[in-house]
Amino acid sequence: MLDREVAIRYARALFDSAKERNYLSEADEQLAVLQTVFERDRSLINYLAAPQIGDDKKEALINKVFAEGFNRGIREFVLLVARKRRVQYLPFMIEEFRDLVADERGIVKAEFTVAHQISDKQREALVSKLQSKLGKTVEFSERIDSSVIGGVRVRLKDDVIDGTVENELRKLRERLETLEVN
């Protein structure tokens, strides 16, 4: 839980700074690139988090890597994170920051879990229903999981709407287990 709390605090600070200094979109784009890099290769994070590497070497590397193609605010943010020895939380910070930007733009990210591929018509209906309920644009990813049997599970950040057959069977089993038979 600490990692999420740390990530939220730093992400909020970066978000507020980027918004105030008018580089929110630029920061979002650059952090999207950085997020992809970290997902593919954690060597930069591992290097910056290594306690045996001196702060001067870490700062030199950050200044070199982030010299071109990155906003000064992003470079300063990464330097701050490194100085505070919070580099291991950087991927979480980026994710939280990008969620804040999406929220600012009226976008919510959703993950649909279904038993099998759904049709475009079903997908459009699901997205439309969520958008009208939430009052936001829905960007989604879809995941196939045969264990859900049927229906759909929607994950919205920390909220889950579970309309799967698997969930209904689980609830039925729980009710039957607590049922007293005379």
C-alpha atoms as a PDB file:
ATOM      1  CA  MET A   1       0.000   0.000   0.000  1.00  0.00           C
ATOM      2  CA  LEU A   2       2.925   2.324   0.674  1.00  0.00           C
ATOM      3  CA  ASP A   3       4.017   2.162  -2.967  1.00  0.00           C
ATOM      4  CA  ARG A   4       0.612   3.425  -4.119  1.00  0.00           C
ATOM      5  CA  GLU A   5       0.542   6.209  -1.532  1.00  0.00           C
ATOM      6  CA  VAL A   6       4.035   7.350  -2.523  1.00  0.00           C
ATOM      7  CA  ALA A   7       3.145   7.141  -6.213  1.00  0.00           C
ATOM      8  CA  ILE A   8      -0.035   9.168  -5.762  1.00  0.00           C
ATOM      9  CA  ARG A   9       1.743  11.898  -3.799  1.00  0.00           C
ATOM     10  CA  TYR A  10       4.531  12.319  -6.357  1.00  0.00           C
ATOM     11  CA  ALA A  11       2.189  11.978  -9.347  1.00  0.00           C
ATOM     12  CA  ARG A  12      -0.111  14.659  -7.943  1.00  0.00           C
ATOM     13  CA  ALA A  13       2.840  17.013  -7.403  1.00  0.00           C
ATOM     14  CA  LEU A  14       4.072  16.480 -10.974  1.00  0.00           C
ATOM     15  CA  PHE A  15       0.537  16.858 -12.337  1.00  0.00           C
ATOM     16  CA  ASP A  16      -0.019  20.144 -10.495  1.00  0.00           C
ATOM     17  CA  SER A  17       3.363  21.476 -11.606  1.00  0.00           C
ATOM     18  CA  ALA A  18       2.863  20.436 -15.252  1.00  0.00           C
ATOM     19  CA  LYS A  19      -0.612  21.934 -15.320  1.00  0.00           C
ATOM     20  CA  GLU A  20       0.537  25.181 -13.725  1.00  0.00           C
ATOM     21  CA  ARG A  21       3.477  25.475 -16.147  1.00  0.00           C
ATOM     22  CA  ASN A  22       1.397  24.451 -19.196  1.00  0.00           C
ATOM     23  CA  TYR A  23       3.210  21.286 -20.199  1.00  0.00           C
ATOM     24  CA  LEU A  24       0.627  18.722 -19.159  1.00  0.00           C
ATOM     25  CA  SER A  25       0.122  17.212 -22.631  1.00  0.00           C
ATOM     26  CA  GLU A  26       3.845  17.182 -23.331  1.00  0.00           C
ATOM     27  CA  ALA A  27       4.533  15.510 -19.985  1.00  0.00           C
ATOM     28  CA  ASP A  28       1.845  12.906 -20.640  1.00  0.00           C
ATOM     29  CA  GLU A  29       3.322  12.047 -24.043  1.00  0.00           C
ATOM     30  CA  GLN A  30       6.865  11.839 -22.698  1.00  0.00           C
ATOM     31  CA  LEU A  31       5.852   9.749 -19.707  1.00  0.00           C
ATOM     32  CA  ALA A  32       3.924   7.401 -22.017  1.00  0.00           C
ATOM     33  CA  VAL A  33       7.215   6.767 -23.838  1.00  0.00           C
ATOM     34  CA  LEU A  34       9.031   6.298 -20.550  1.00  0.00           C
ATOM     35  CA  GLN A  35       6.315   3.929 -19.314  1.00  0.00           C
ATOM     36  CA  THR A  36       6.755   1.770 -22.430  1.00  0.00           C
ATOM     37  CA  VAL A  37      10.528   1.729 -21.942  1.00  0.00           C
ATOM     38  CA  PHE A  38      10.169   0.663 -18.295  1.00  0.00           C
ATOM     39  CA  GLU A  39       7.693  -2.078 -19.220  1.00  0.00           C
ATOM     40  CA  ARG A  40      10.184  -3.538 -21.704  1.00  0.00           C
ATOM     41  CA  ASP A  41      13.395  -3.043 -19.748  1.00  0.00           C
ATOM     42  CA  ARG A  42      13.844  -2.192 -16.078  1.00  0.00           C
ATOM     43  CA  SER A  43      17.620  -1.762 -16.264  1.00  0.00           C
ATOM     44  CA  LEU A  44      17.471   2.043 -15.912  1.00  0.00           C
ATOM     45  CA  ILE A  45      15.283   1.759 -12.809  1.00  0.00           C
ATOM     46  CA  ASN A  46      17.493  -0.984 -11.382  1.00  0.00           C
ATOM     47  CA  TYR A  47      20.603   1.145 -11.955  1.00  0.00           C
ATOM     48  CA  LEU A  48      19.061   4.269 -10.399  1.00  0.00           C
ATOM     49  CA  ALA A  49      17.745   2.274  -7.433  1.00  0.00           C
ATOM     50  CA  ALA A  50      21.066   0.528  -6.762  1.00  0.00           C
ATOM     51  CA  PRO A  51      22.448   1.725  -3.407  1.00  0.00           C
ATOM     52  CA  GLN A  52      26.056   0.980  -4.400  1.00  0.00           C
ATOM     53  CA  ILE A  53      25.952   3.558  -7.208  1.00  0.00           C
ATOM     54  CA  GLY A  54      26.783   7.084  -6.120  1.00  0.00           C
ATOM     55  CA  ASP A  55      24.267   9.909  -6.400  1.00  0.00           C
ATOM     56  CA  ASP A  56      26.610  11.881  -8.655  1.00  0.00           C
ATOM     57  CA  LYS A  57      26.707   9.027 -11.193  1.00  0.00           C
ATOM     58  CA  LYS A  58      22.923   8.661 -11.077  1.00  0.00           C
ATOM     59  CA  GLU A  59      22.406  12.384 -11.615  1.00  0.00           C
ATOM     60  CA  ALA A  60      24.884  12.417 -14.498  1.00  0.00           C
ATOM     61  CA  LEU A  61      23.040   9.541 -16.159  1.00  0.00           C
ATOM     62  CA  ILE A  62      19.635  11.183 -15.668  1.00  0.00           C
ATOM     63  CA  ASN A  63      20.914  14.469 -17.093  1.00  0.00           C
ATOM     64  CA  LYS A  64      22.356  12.621 -20.091  1.00  0.00           C
ATOM     65  CA  VAL A  65      19.345  10.369 -20.768  1.00  0.00           C
ATOM     66  CA  PHE A  66      16.786  13.141 -20.263  1.00  0.00           C
ATOM     67  CA  ALA A  67      18.753  15.943 -21.943  1.00  0.00           C
ATOM     68  CA  GLU A  68      17.044  15.636 -25.313  1.00  0.00           C
ATOM     69  CA  GLY A  69      13.457  14.737 -26.039  1.00  0.00           C
ATOM     70  CA  PHE A  70      12.254  15.368 -22.502  1.00  0.00           C
ATOM     71  CA  ASN A  71      10.866  18.484 -20.910  1.00  0.00           C
ATOM     72  CA  ARG A  72      13.027  20.061 -18.225  1.00  0.00           C
ATOM     73  CA  GLY A  73      10.233  19.497 -15.699  1.00  0.00           C
ATOM     74  CA  ILE A  74      10.284  15.744 -16.373  1.00  0.00           C
ATOM     75  CA  ARG A  75      14.061  15.605 -15.988  1.00  0.00           C
ATOM     76  CA  GLU A  76      13.865  17.561 -12.710  1.00  0.00           C
ATOM     77  CA  PHE A  77      11.110  15.238 -11.504  1.00  0.00           C
ATOM     78  CA  VAL A  78      13.199  12.120 -12.193  1.00  0.00           C
ATOM     79  CA  LEU A  79      16.180  13.772 -10.471  1.00  0.00           C
ATOM     80  CA  LEU A  80      14.024  14.518  -7.414  1.00  0.00           C
ATOM     81  CA  VAL A  81      12.713  10.949  -7.331  1.00  0.00           C
ATOM     82  CA  ALA A  82      16.284   9.627  -7.513  1.00  0.00           C
ATOM     83  CA  ARG A  83      17.508  12.008  -4.780  1.00  0.00           C
ATOM     84  CA  LYS A  84      14.642  10.925  -2.531  1.00  0.00           C
ATOM     85  CA  ARG A  85      15.480   7.270  -3.225  1.00  0.00           C
ATOM     86  CA  ARG A  86      12.041   6.540  -4.621  1.00  0.00           C
ATOM     87  CA  VAL A  87      13.055   5.313  -8.089  1.00  0.00           C
ATOM     88  CA  GLN A  88      11.495   1.874  -7.532  1.00  0.00           C
ATOM     89  CA  TYR A  89       8.113   3.657  -7.412  1.00  0.00           C
ATOM     90  CA  LEU A  90       8.646   5.572 -10.670  1.00  0.00           C
ATOM     91  CA  PRO A  91       6.531   3.222 -12.869  1.00  0.00           C
ATOM     92  CA  PHE A  92       3.654   3.578 -10.380  1.00  0.00           C
ATOM     93  CA  MET A  93       4.107   7.363 -10.342  1.00  0.00           C
ATOM     94  CA  ILE A  94       3.919   7.476 -14.119  1.00  0.00           C
ATOM     95  CA  GLU A  95       0.775   5.346 -14.136  1.00  0.00           C
ATOM     96  CA  GLU A  96      -0.876   7.544 -11.514  1.00  0.00           C
ATOM     97  CA  PHE A  97       0.149  10.711 -13.366  1.00  0.00           C
ATOM     98  CA  ARG A  98      -1.308   9.408 -16.633  1.00  0.00           C
ATOM     99  CA  ASP A  99      -4.535   8.506 -14.813  1.00  0.00           C
ATOM    100  CA  LEU A 100      -4.750  12.056 -13.449  1.00  0.00           C
ATOM    101  CA  VAL A 101      -4.263  13.472 -16.952  1.00  0.00           C
ATOM    102  CA  ALA A 102      -6.928  11.146 -18.348  1.00  0.00           C
ATOM    103  CA  ASP A 103      -9.316  12.190 -15.584  1.00  0.00           C
ATOM    104  CA  GLU A 104      -8.595  15.859 -16.322  1.00  0.00           C
ATOM    105  CA  ARG A 105      -9.534  15.192 -19.952  1.00  0.00           C
ATOM    106  CA  GLY A 106     -12.743  13.403 -18.978  1.00  0.00           C
ATOM    107  CA  ILE A 107     -11.419   9.963 -19.886  1.00  0.00           C
ATOM    108  CA  VAL A 108     -11.728   6.813 -17.806  1.00  0.00           C
ATOM    109  CA  LYS A 109      -9.741   3.671 -18.531  1.00  0.00           C
ATOM    110  CA  ALA A 110     -11.588   0.379 -18.323  1.00  0.00           C
ATOM    111  CA  GLU A 111     -10.609  -3.243 -18.700  1.00  0.00           C
ATOM    112  CA  PHE A 112     -13.278  -5.651 -19.940  1.00  0.00           C
ATOM    113  CA  THR A 113     -12.802  -9.314 -19.072  1.00  0.00           C
ATOM    114  CA  VAL A 114     -14.938 -11.706 -21.083  1.00  0.00           C
ATOM    115  CA  ALA A 115     -15.022 -15.464 -21.668  1.00  0.00           C
ATOM    116  CA  HIS A 116     -14.635 -15.107 -25.425  1.00  0.00           C
ATOM    117  CA  GLN A 117     -14.288 -12.388 -28.043  1.00  0.00           C
ATOM    118  CA  ILE A 118     -17.351 -10.128 -28.087  1.00  0.00           C
ATOM    119  CA  SER A 119     -18.823  -8.559 -31.201  1.00  0.00           C
ATOM    120  CA  ASP A 120     -18.267  -4.939 -32.160  1.00  0.00           C
ATOM    121  CA  LYS A 121     -21.952  -4.287 -31.504  1.00  0.00           C
ATOM    122  CA  GLN A 122     -21.703  -5.720 -27.954  1.00  0.00           C
ATOM    123  CA  ARG A 123     -18.503  -3.751 -27.319  1.00  0.00           C
ATOM    124  CA  GLU A 124     -20.092  -0.501 -28.536  1.00  0.00           C
ATOM    125  CA  ALA A 125     -23.159  -1.098 -26.353  1.00  0.00           C
ATOM    126  CA  LEU A 126     -20.985  -1.751 -23.302  1.00  0.00           C
ATOM    127  CA  VAL A 127     -18.861   1.341 -23.910  1.00  0.00           C
ATOM    128  CA  SER A 128     -21.953   3.470 -24.560  1.00  0.00           C
ATOM    129  CA  LYS A 129     -23.620   2.297 -21.350  1.00  0.00           C
ATOM    130  CA  LEU A 130     -20.486   2.998 -19.296  1.00  0.00           C
ATOM    131  CA  GLN A 131     -20.011   6.414 -20.877  1.00  0.00           C
ATOM    132  CA  SER A 132     -23.582   7.456 -20.115  1.00  0.00           C
ATOM    133  CA  LYS A 133     -23.336   6.123 -16.537  1.00  0.00           C
ATOM    134  CA  LEU A 134     -19.949   7.751 -15.835  1.00  0.00           C
ATOM    135  CA  GLY A 135     -20.323  10.896 -17.928  1.00  0.00           C
ATOM    136  CA  LYS A 136     -16.827  10.340 -19.313  1.00  0.00           C
ATOM    137  CA  THR A 137     -15.203   8.960 -22.430  1.00  0.00           C
ATOM    138  CA  VAL A 138     -14.230   5.326 -21.937  1.00  0.00           C
ATOM    139  CA  GLU A 139     -10.921   3.983 -23.240  1.00  0.00           C
ATOM    140  CA  PHE A 140     -10.798   0.239 -22.815  1.00  0.00           C
ATOM    141  CA  SER A 141      -8.718  -2.851 -23.156  1.00  0.00           C
ATOM    142  CA  GLU A 142     -10.234  -6.263 -23.527  1.00  0.00           C
ATOM    143  CA  ARG A 143      -9.050  -9.475 -21.886  1.00  0.00           C
ATOM    144  CA  ILE A 144     -10.201 -12.991 -22.624  1.00  0.00           C
ATOM    145  CA  ASP A 145     -10.516 -15.322 -19.622  1.00  0.00           C
ATOM    146  CA  SER A 146     -12.490 -18.524 -20.105  1.00  0.00           C
ATOM    147  CA  SER A 147     -12.960 -18.924 -16.330  1.00  0.00           C
ATOM    148  CA  VAL A 148     -15.583 -16.137 -16.312  1.00  0.00           C
ATOM    149  CA  ILE A 149     -17.815 -18.568 -18.289  1.00  0.00           C
ATOM    150  CA  GLY A 150     -20.038 -15.764 -19.601  1.00  0.00           C
ATOM    151  CA  GLY A 151     -20.947 -12.135 -19.002  1.00  0.00           C
ATOM    152  CA  VAL A 152     -18.408  -9.387 -18.445  1.00  0.00           C
ATOM    153  CA  ARG A 153     -16.250  -8.009 -15.637  1.00  0.00           C
ATOM    154  CA  VAL A 154     -15.359  -4.325 -15.929  1.00  0.00           C
ATOM    155  CA  ARG A 155     -12.435  -2.897 -13.966  1.00  0.00           C
ATOM    156  CA  LEU A 156     -12.308   0.878 -13.574  1.00  0.00           C
ATOM    157  CA  LYS A 157      -9.122   1.679 -11.633  1.00  0.00           C
ATOM    158  CA  ASP A 158     -10.099   0.455  -8.144  1.00  0.00           C
ATOM    159  CA  ASP A 159     -13.732  -0.384  -8.901  1.00  0.00           C
ATOM    160  CA  VAL A 160     -14.991  -3.659 -10.339  1.00  0.00           C
ATOM    161  CA  ILE A 161     -18.398  -4.270 -11.863  1.00  0.00           C
ATOM    162  CA  ASP A 162     -18.723  -8.037 -12.018  1.00  0.00           C
ATOM    163  CA  GLY A 163     -21.525  -9.339 -14.193  1.00  0.00           C
ATOM    164  CA  THR A 164     -19.908 -12.677 -14.947  1.00  0.00           C
ATOM    165  CA  VAL A 165     -21.488 -16.087 -14.671  1.00  0.00           C
ATOM    166  CA  GLU A 166     -18.513 -17.089 -12.536  1.00  0.00           C
ATOM    167  CA  ASN A 167     -19.391 -14.367 -10.001  1.00  0.00           C
ATOM    168  CA  GLU A 168     -23.092 -15.257  -9.982  1.00  0.00           C
ATOM    169  CA  LEU A 169     -22.248 -18.937  -9.380  1.00  0.00           C
ATOM    170  CA  ARG A 170     -19.901 -17.973  -6.543  1.00  0.00           C
ATOM    171  CA  LYS A 171     -22.631 -15.860  -4.886  1.00  0.00           C
ATOM    172  CA  LEU A 172     -25.155 -18.679  -5.327  1.00  0.00           C
ATOM    173  CA  ARG A 173     -22.728 -21.175  -3.747  1.00  0.00           C
ATOM    174  CA  GLU A 174     -22.208 -18.806  -0.777  1.00  0.00           C
ATOM    175  CA  ARG A 175     -25.970 -18.479  -0.259  1.00  0.00           C
ATOM    176  CA  LEU A 176     -26.444 -22.226  -0.467  1.00  0.00           C
ATOM    177  CA  GLU A 177     -23.652 -22.837   2.024  1.00  0.00           C
ATOM    178  CA  THR A 178     -25.305 -20.552   4.586  1.00  0.00           C
ATOM    179  CA  LEU A 179     -28.766 -21.973   3.985  1.00  0.00           C
ATOM    180  CA  GLU A 180     -30.136 -24.028   6.875  1.00  0.00           C
ATOM    181  CA  VAL A 181     -32.085 -27.083   5.922  1.00  0.00           C
ATOM    182  CA  ASN A 182     -34.594 -28.450   8.456  1.00  0.00           C
END
